[in-house]
Amino acid sequence: MTANGLVEINKMLEAGMREEHLLPRGMKLYGTVVSTKRKKTVTVERQLAKYLGKYKRQALTKSKIAAHVPGGVQLKEGDVVEIQQTRKISKTKSWVVTRVLKTKEEKV
């Protein structure tokens, strides 16, 4: 996707947040979309390097976060997004997608 397409998507996300009264605050994280099966929700996976003192090594761990997608934007699996904390939206959602950094390119 071109840079213009990303700008359009990010503008739609901003407008959707204003419309739904979602004020992003708190932590800001980056991750990859791994699931888009739920309506207005994506699952974002982020990888962490955790230090294991016993073995004096770093181990990669994953964490999955449910994030709200405002403004009816269609995200695909593999997109890299920025998510930010917001008020509690449902039992599992307290994060909102604020920007799309990179989209997964379609193979032709």
Protein backbone atom coordinates (compact mmCIF):
# COMPACT_ATOMS: atom_id res chain seq x y z
CA MET A 1 0.00 0.00 0.00
CA THR A 2 1.23 3.50 -0.76
CA ALA A 3 2.01 6.15 1.81
CA ASN A 4 -1.16 7.99 0.75
CA GLY A 5 -3.24 4.92 1.62
CA LEU A 6 -1.73 4.76 5.11
CA VAL A 7 -2.43 8.46 5.66
CA GLU A 8 -6.08 7.91 4.68
CA ILE A 9 -6.44 4.94 7.05
CA ASN A 10 -4.83 6.87 9.92
CA LYS A 11 -7.18 9.83 9.34
CA MET A 12 -10.16 7.46 9.45
CA LEU A 13 -8.88 5.99 12.74
CA GLU A 14 -8.52 9.47 14.26
CA ALA A 15 -12.02 10.49 13.18
CA GLY A 16 -13.47 7.25 14.54
CA MET A 17 -11.81 7.77 17.93
CA ARG A 18 -13.26 11.27 18.16
CA GLU A 19 -16.69 10.01 17.13
CA GLU A 20 -16.70 7.18 19.70
CA HIS A 21 -15.24 9.41 22.47
CA LEU A 22 -12.15 7.24 22.94
CA LEU A 23 -9.37 9.28 24.48
CA PRO A 24 -6.07 7.37 24.17
CA ARG A 25 -3.97 7.66 27.30
CA GLY A 26 -1.34 5.61 29.06
CA MET A 27 1.02 3.15 27.44
CA LYS A 28 1.72 2.96 23.71
CA LEU A 29 2.68 -0.40 22.15
CA TYR A 30 3.49 -1.72 18.69
CA GLY A 31 2.55 -5.13 17.35
CA THR A 32 1.32 -7.27 14.48
CA VAL A 33 -2.34 -8.08 13.80
CA VAL A 34 -2.83 -11.85 14.10
CA SER A 35 -6.64 -12.14 14.09
CA THR A 36 -9.47 -10.08 12.60
CA LYS A 37 -12.36 -12.49 13.21
CA ARG A 38 -14.31 -10.31 15.64
CA LYS A 39 -16.33 -7.27 14.67
CA LYS A 40 -14.54 -3.94 15.45
CA THR A 41 -11.78 -5.88 17.25
CA VAL A 42 -8.35 -7.14 16.26
CA THR A 43 -5.90 -9.28 18.20
CA VAL A 44 -2.43 -7.73 18.27
CA GLU A 45 0.62 -9.82 19.12
CA ARG A 46 3.81 -8.27 20.42
CA GLN A 47 7.12 -9.97 21.12
CA LEU A 48 9.14 -9.29 24.24
CA ALA A 49 12.67 -10.23 25.21
CA LYS A 50 12.56 -11.43 28.81
CA TYR A 51 15.77 -11.90 30.80
CA LEU A 52 16.11 -15.26 32.58
CA GLY A 53 18.56 -14.73 35.44
CA LYS A 54 19.02 -18.41 36.17
CA TYR A 55 20.36 -19.10 32.68
CA LYS A 56 21.82 -15.61 32.06
CA ARG A 57 20.02 -15.52 28.71
CA GLN A 58 17.19 -13.68 27.03
CA ALA A 59 14.07 -15.57 25.96
CA LEU A 60 11.47 -14.36 23.48
CA THR A 61 7.91 -14.31 24.78
CA LYS A 62 4.66 -13.27 23.11
CA SER A 63 1.65 -11.43 24.42
CA LYS A 64 -1.73 -11.07 22.70
CA ILE A 65 -3.88 -8.00 23.25
CA ALA A 66 -7.45 -7.37 22.08
CA ALA A 67 -7.71 -3.87 20.57
CA HIS A 68 -10.70 -1.86 19.34
CA VAL A 69 -10.71 -0.62 15.73
CA PRO A 70 -12.64 2.68 15.47
CA GLY A 71 -14.13 4.16 12.32
CA GLY A 72 -14.88 0.93 10.46
CA VAL A 73 -11.31 0.55 9.16
CA GLN A 74 -10.57 -2.86 7.63
CA LEU A 75 -7.26 -4.27 8.90
CA LYS A 76 -5.66 -7.48 7.65
CA GLU A 77 -3.58 -10.09 9.39
CA GLY A 78 0.08 -9.12 9.21
CA ASP A 79 -0.46 -5.35 9.47
CA VAL A 80 1.86 -3.58 11.92
CA VAL A 81 -0.12 -1.22 14.16
CA GLU A 82 0.31 1.11 17.11
CA ILE A 83 -2.11 0.57 20.00
CA GLN A 84 -2.69 2.77 23.01
CA GLN A 85 -4.51 2.34 26.30
CA THR A 86 -7.96 3.84 26.71
CA ARG A 87 -10.98 3.42 28.97
CA LYS A 88 -12.43 -0.06 29.39
CA ILE A 89 -14.57 -0.86 26.32
CA SER A 90 -15.56 -4.43 27.20
CA LYS A 91 -14.40 -7.29 29.40
CA THR A 92 -11.23 -7.86 27.38
CA LYS A 93 -10.76 -4.59 25.48
CA SER A 94 -9.01 -1.59 26.97
CA TRP A 95 -6.74 -0.79 24.01
CA VAL A 96 -7.48 1.08 20.79
CA VAL A 97 -5.65 1.03 17.43
CA THR A 98 -4.28 4.55 16.90
CA ARG A 99 -2.13 4.16 13.77
CA VAL A 100 -1.30 1.68 11.04
CA LEU A 101 2.46 1.68 10.51
CA LYS A 102 2.78 -0.93 7.76
CA THR A 103 0.32 -3.02 5.81
CA LYS A 104 0.87 -6.56 4.63
CA GLU A 105 1.52 -6.43 0.91
CA GLU A 106 -0.67 -8.60 -1.30
CA LYS A 107 1.22 -11.08 -3.48
CA VAL A 108 0.21 -10.84 -7.14
